[in-house]
Amino acid sequence: MATEPDLVHCIYASSATRPFSFDQLVDLLAVARRNNAALGVTGMLLHDRGSFFQVLEGPAAKVDALYARIAADARHADFGHTIKSFWML
């Protein structure tokens, strides 16, 4: 009998479709932290010279839905290799 993994990691890189100011990045991070906390998802978001790198960690269904929403966000393009790992606790 297959069970749902307890924890999923999703790692991706993307390119920003437009430049972000420092203040816009601070606002983006604040919104991401608030939304992720509401979903029970943790992770890390990096931005450097127009590129994003993010690690998402949490319940599989929540991480998958969040990744789908990010992938559809017009601020991202050119998604790089996505790594997904599962942990059974």
Protein backbone atom coordinates (compact mmCIF):
# COMPACT_ATOMS: atom_id res chain seq x y z
CA MET A 1 0.00 0.00 0.00
CA ALA A 2 1.53 3.31 -1.13
CA THR A 3 1.50 6.24 1.24
CA GLU A 4 1.89 9.94 0.66
CA PRO A 5 5.38 11.24 1.51
CA ASP A 6 5.50 13.29 4.70
CA LEU A 7 7.81 15.93 3.28
CA VAL A 8 8.69 17.09 -0.24
CA HIS A 9 11.52 19.33 -1.39
CA CYS A 10 11.10 21.18 -4.69
CA ILE A 11 14.09 23.13 -6.01
CA TYR A 12 14.00 25.31 -9.12
CA ALA A 13 15.69 28.24 -10.83
CA SER A 14 14.04 30.81 -13.07
CA SER A 15 14.73 34.13 -14.75
CA ALA A 16 12.92 37.30 -13.80
CA THR A 17 10.94 38.75 -16.71
CA ARG A 18 11.64 42.29 -15.49
CA PRO A 19 14.11 43.99 -13.16
CA PHE A 20 13.25 44.15 -9.44
CA SER A 21 14.26 47.02 -7.19
CA PHE A 22 15.50 46.29 -3.69
CA ASP A 23 12.17 47.43 -2.24
CA GLN A 24 10.23 45.19 -4.66
CA LEU A 25 12.35 42.21 -3.61
CA VAL A 26 11.75 42.97 0.07
CA ASP A 27 8.00 43.14 -0.62
CA LEU A 28 8.10 39.90 -2.63
CA LEU A 29 9.91 38.13 0.20
CA ALA A 30 7.40 39.39 2.78
CA VAL A 31 4.45 38.15 0.71
CA ALA A 32 6.17 34.79 0.07
CA ARG A 33 6.87 34.33 3.79
CA ARG A 34 3.28 35.14 4.73
CA ASN A 35 1.77 32.89 2.03
CA ASN A 36 4.16 30.02 2.71
CA ALA A 37 3.48 30.14 6.45
CA ALA A 38 -0.26 29.94 5.78
CA LEU A 39 0.34 26.84 3.65
CA GLY A 40 2.74 25.18 6.10
CA VAL A 41 5.55 25.45 3.53
CA THR A 42 9.10 26.52 4.35
CA GLY A 43 12.09 27.14 2.13
CA MET A 44 14.55 29.61 0.79
CA LEU A 45 14.32 32.27 -1.93
CA LEU A 46 17.40 33.78 -3.55
CA HIS A 47 17.63 36.48 -6.22
CA ASP A 48 20.77 37.57 -7.98
CA ARG A 49 21.11 39.64 -11.14
CA GLY A 50 17.71 38.71 -12.51
CA SER A 51 17.72 35.05 -11.52
CA PHE A 52 15.66 33.33 -8.85
CA PHE A 53 16.58 30.13 -7.03
CA GLN A 54 14.07 28.67 -4.63
CA VAL A 55 13.73 25.69 -2.35
CA LEU A 56 10.22 24.80 -1.19
CA GLU A 57 9.62 22.24 1.56
CA GLY A 58 6.38 20.91 2.96
CA PRO A 59 3.44 18.56 2.34
CA ALA A 60 3.44 17.27 -1.25
CA ALA A 61 0.05 18.64 -2.26
CA LYS A 62 0.84 22.10 -0.83
CA VAL A 63 4.29 22.28 -2.45
CA ASP A 64 2.94 21.08 -5.82
CA ALA A 65 0.14 23.66 -5.79
CA LEU A 66 2.53 26.45 -4.80
CA TYR A 67 5.04 25.47 -7.49
CA ALA A 68 2.25 25.47 -10.12
CA ARG A 69 1.22 28.96 -9.03
CA ILE A 70 4.83 30.21 -9.19
CA ALA A 71 5.35 28.63 -12.62
CA ALA A 72 2.27 30.48 -13.90
CA ASP A 73 3.46 33.82 -12.45
CA ALA A 74 4.34 36.26 -15.24
CA ARG A 75 7.35 37.48 -13.24
CA HIS A 76 9.14 34.16 -13.94
CA ALA A 77 10.42 32.63 -17.18
CA ASP A 78 12.99 30.08 -18.30
CA PHE A 79 12.45 27.63 -15.47
CA GLY A 80 15.58 25.60 -14.92
CA HIS A 81 15.90 22.03 -13.79
CA THR A 82 13.40 21.23 -11.11
CA ILE A 83 14.51 18.77 -8.43
CA LYS A 84 11.94 17.07 -6.28
CA SER A 85 12.77 14.79 -3.38
CA PHE A 86 10.49 12.93 -0.99
CA TRP A 87 10.98 12.11 2.67
CA MET A 88 9.01 9.59 4.67
CA LEU A 89 9.13 10.40 8.36
